[in-house]
């Protein structure tokens, strides 16, 4: 990674709370996005983009009291 001048970022061992939001998102992505029907990398990228838009702007979140992430951040 030194070749690109980037630094790996990791929390301490056993610090599961730092990774929980990402794990939750990717769990929902795998369950809800239609990635199995993608035949090409471009189709996969487009499907993930659609899901991210849906997740942020349309999908109510239990932990956000039924609001979307965009609503909670004042983007709507």
C-alpha atoms as a PDB file:
ATOM      1  CA  UNK A   1       0.000   0.000   0.000  1.00  0.00           C
ATOM      2  CA  UNK A   2       2.996   2.287   0.322  1.00  0.00           C
ATOM      3  CA  UNK A   3       3.074   2.368  -3.469  1.00  0.00           C
ATOM      4  CA  UNK A   4      -0.150   4.452  -3.420  1.00  0.00           C
ATOM      5  CA  UNK A   5       0.690   6.416  -0.254  1.00  0.00           C
ATOM      6  CA  UNK A   6      -2.328   5.117   1.683  1.00  0.00           C
ATOM      7  CA  UNK A   7      -2.622   3.893   5.255  1.00  0.00           C
ATOM      8  CA  UNK A   8      -4.788   0.997   6.352  1.00  0.00           C
ATOM      9  CA  UNK A   9      -7.312   1.962   9.007  1.00  0.00           C
ATOM     10  CA  UNK A  10      -8.402  -0.612  11.552  1.00  0.00           C
ATOM     11  CA  UNK A  11      -9.810  -0.392  15.029  1.00  0.00           C
ATOM     12  CA  UNK A  12      -8.271  -2.256  17.931  1.00  0.00           C
ATOM     13  CA  UNK A  13      -8.921  -5.965  18.285  1.00  0.00           C
ATOM     14  CA  UNK A  14     -12.258  -6.559  19.971  1.00  0.00           C
ATOM     15  CA  UNK A  15     -13.657  -3.110  19.133  1.00  0.00           C
ATOM     16  CA  UNK A  16     -16.755  -4.432  17.353  1.00  0.00           C
ATOM     17  CA  UNK A  17     -18.759  -1.198  17.671  1.00  0.00           C
ATOM     18  CA  UNK A  18     -16.572   0.634  15.174  1.00  0.00           C
ATOM     19  CA  UNK A  19     -17.486  -1.836  12.443  1.00  0.00           C
ATOM     20  CA  UNK A  20     -21.194  -2.341  13.248  1.00  0.00           C
ATOM     21  CA  UNK A  21     -22.693   0.241  10.832  1.00  0.00           C
ATOM     22  CA  UNK A  22     -20.690  -1.103   7.888  1.00  0.00           C
ATOM     23  CA  UNK A  23     -21.508  -4.718   8.729  1.00  0.00           C
ATOM     24  CA  UNK A  24     -25.198  -3.836   9.019  1.00  0.00           C
ATOM     25  CA  UNK A  25     -25.243  -2.033   5.667  1.00  0.00           C
ATOM     26  CA  UNK A  26     -23.464  -4.853   3.829  1.00  0.00           C
ATOM     27  CA  UNK A  27     -25.766  -7.428   5.410  1.00  0.00           C
ATOM     28  CA  UNK A  28     -28.803  -5.540   4.101  1.00  0.00           C
ATOM     29  CA  UNK A  29     -27.149  -5.072   0.709  1.00  0.00           C
ATOM     30  CA  UNK A  30     -26.594  -8.815   0.340  1.00  0.00           C
ATOM     31  CA  UNK A  31     -30.174  -9.600   1.419  1.00  0.00           C
ATOM     32  CA  UNK A  32     -32.025  -6.893  -0.501  1.00  0.00           C
ATOM     33  CA  UNK A  33     -30.115  -5.991  -3.679  1.00  0.00           C
ATOM     34  CA  UNK A  34     -30.579  -8.130  -6.782  1.00  0.00           C
ATOM     35  CA  UNK A  35     -26.888  -8.795  -7.319  1.00  0.00           C
ATOM     36  CA  UNK A  36     -27.353 -12.418  -8.441  1.00  0.00           C
ATOM     37  CA  UNK A  37     -28.934 -11.314 -11.723  1.00  0.00           C
ATOM     38  CA  UNK A  38     -25.915  -9.192 -12.719  1.00  0.00           C
ATOM     39  CA  UNK A  39     -23.933 -10.649 -15.612  1.00  0.00           C
ATOM     40  CA  UNK A  40     -21.230  -7.989 -15.866  1.00  0.00           C
ATOM     41  CA  UNK A  41     -19.213  -5.849 -13.517  1.00  0.00           C
ATOM     42  CA  UNK A  42     -20.934  -2.751 -14.908  1.00  0.00           C
ATOM     43  CA  UNK A  43     -24.363  -4.215 -14.087  1.00  0.00           C
ATOM     44  CA  UNK A  44     -23.160  -5.003 -10.568  1.00  0.00           C
ATOM     45  CA  UNK A  45     -21.913  -1.434 -10.053  1.00  0.00           C
ATOM     46  CA  UNK A  46     -25.227  -0.047 -11.342  1.00  0.00           C
ATOM     47  CA  UNK A  47     -27.222  -2.349  -9.023  1.00  0.00           C
ATOM     48  CA  UNK A  48     -25.130  -1.329  -6.010  1.00  0.00           C
ATOM     49  CA  UNK A  49     -25.557   2.360  -6.914  1.00  0.00           C
ATOM     50  CA  UNK A  50     -29.336   1.855  -7.097  1.00  0.00           C
ATOM     51  CA  UNK A  51     -29.335   0.105  -3.732  1.00  0.00           C
ATOM     52  CA  UNK A  52     -27.249   2.819  -2.053  1.00  0.00           C
ATOM     53  CA  UNK A  53     -29.694   5.446  -3.321  1.00  0.00           C
ATOM     54  CA  UNK A  54     -32.641   3.356  -2.067  1.00  0.00           C
ATOM     55  CA  UNK A  55     -30.977   2.727   1.304  1.00  0.00           C
ATOM     56  CA  UNK A  56     -30.187   6.398   1.895  1.00  0.00           C
ATOM     57  CA  UNK A  57     -33.351   7.996   0.533  1.00  0.00           C
ATOM     58  CA  UNK A  58     -36.238   5.517   0.721  1.00  0.00           C
ATOM     59  CA  UNK A  59     -35.574   2.705   3.204  1.00  0.00           C
ATOM     60  CA  UNK A  60     -36.794   3.516   6.729  1.00  0.00           C
ATOM     61  CA  UNK A  61     -34.308   2.570   9.441  1.00  0.00           C
ATOM     62  CA  UNK A  62     -35.395   1.031  12.731  1.00  0.00           C
ATOM     63  CA  UNK A  63     -32.525   2.716  14.579  1.00  0.00           C
ATOM     64  CA  UNK A  64     -33.494   6.102  13.122  1.00  0.00           C
ATOM     65  CA  UNK A  65     -37.082   5.877  14.395  1.00  0.00           C
ATOM     66  CA  UNK A  66     -38.505   5.040  10.980  1.00  0.00           C
ATOM     67  CA  UNK A  67     -36.693   7.794   9.112  1.00  0.00           C
ATOM     68  CA  UNK A  68     -34.283   7.398   6.228  1.00  0.00           C
ATOM     69  CA  UNK A  69     -30.620   8.393   6.641  1.00  0.00           C
ATOM     70  CA  UNK A  70     -31.262  11.365   4.309  1.00  0.00           C
ATOM     71  CA  UNK A  71     -34.182  12.546   6.489  1.00  0.00           C
ATOM     72  CA  UNK A  72     -32.080  12.318   9.639  1.00  0.00           C
ATOM     73  CA  UNK A  73     -29.307  14.372   8.093  1.00  0.00           C
ATOM     74  CA  UNK A  74     -31.716  16.997   6.742  1.00  0.00           C
ATOM     75  CA  UNK A  75     -31.159  16.199   3.051  1.00  0.00           C
ATOM     76  CA  UNK A  76     -34.873  15.884   2.237  1.00  0.00           C
END
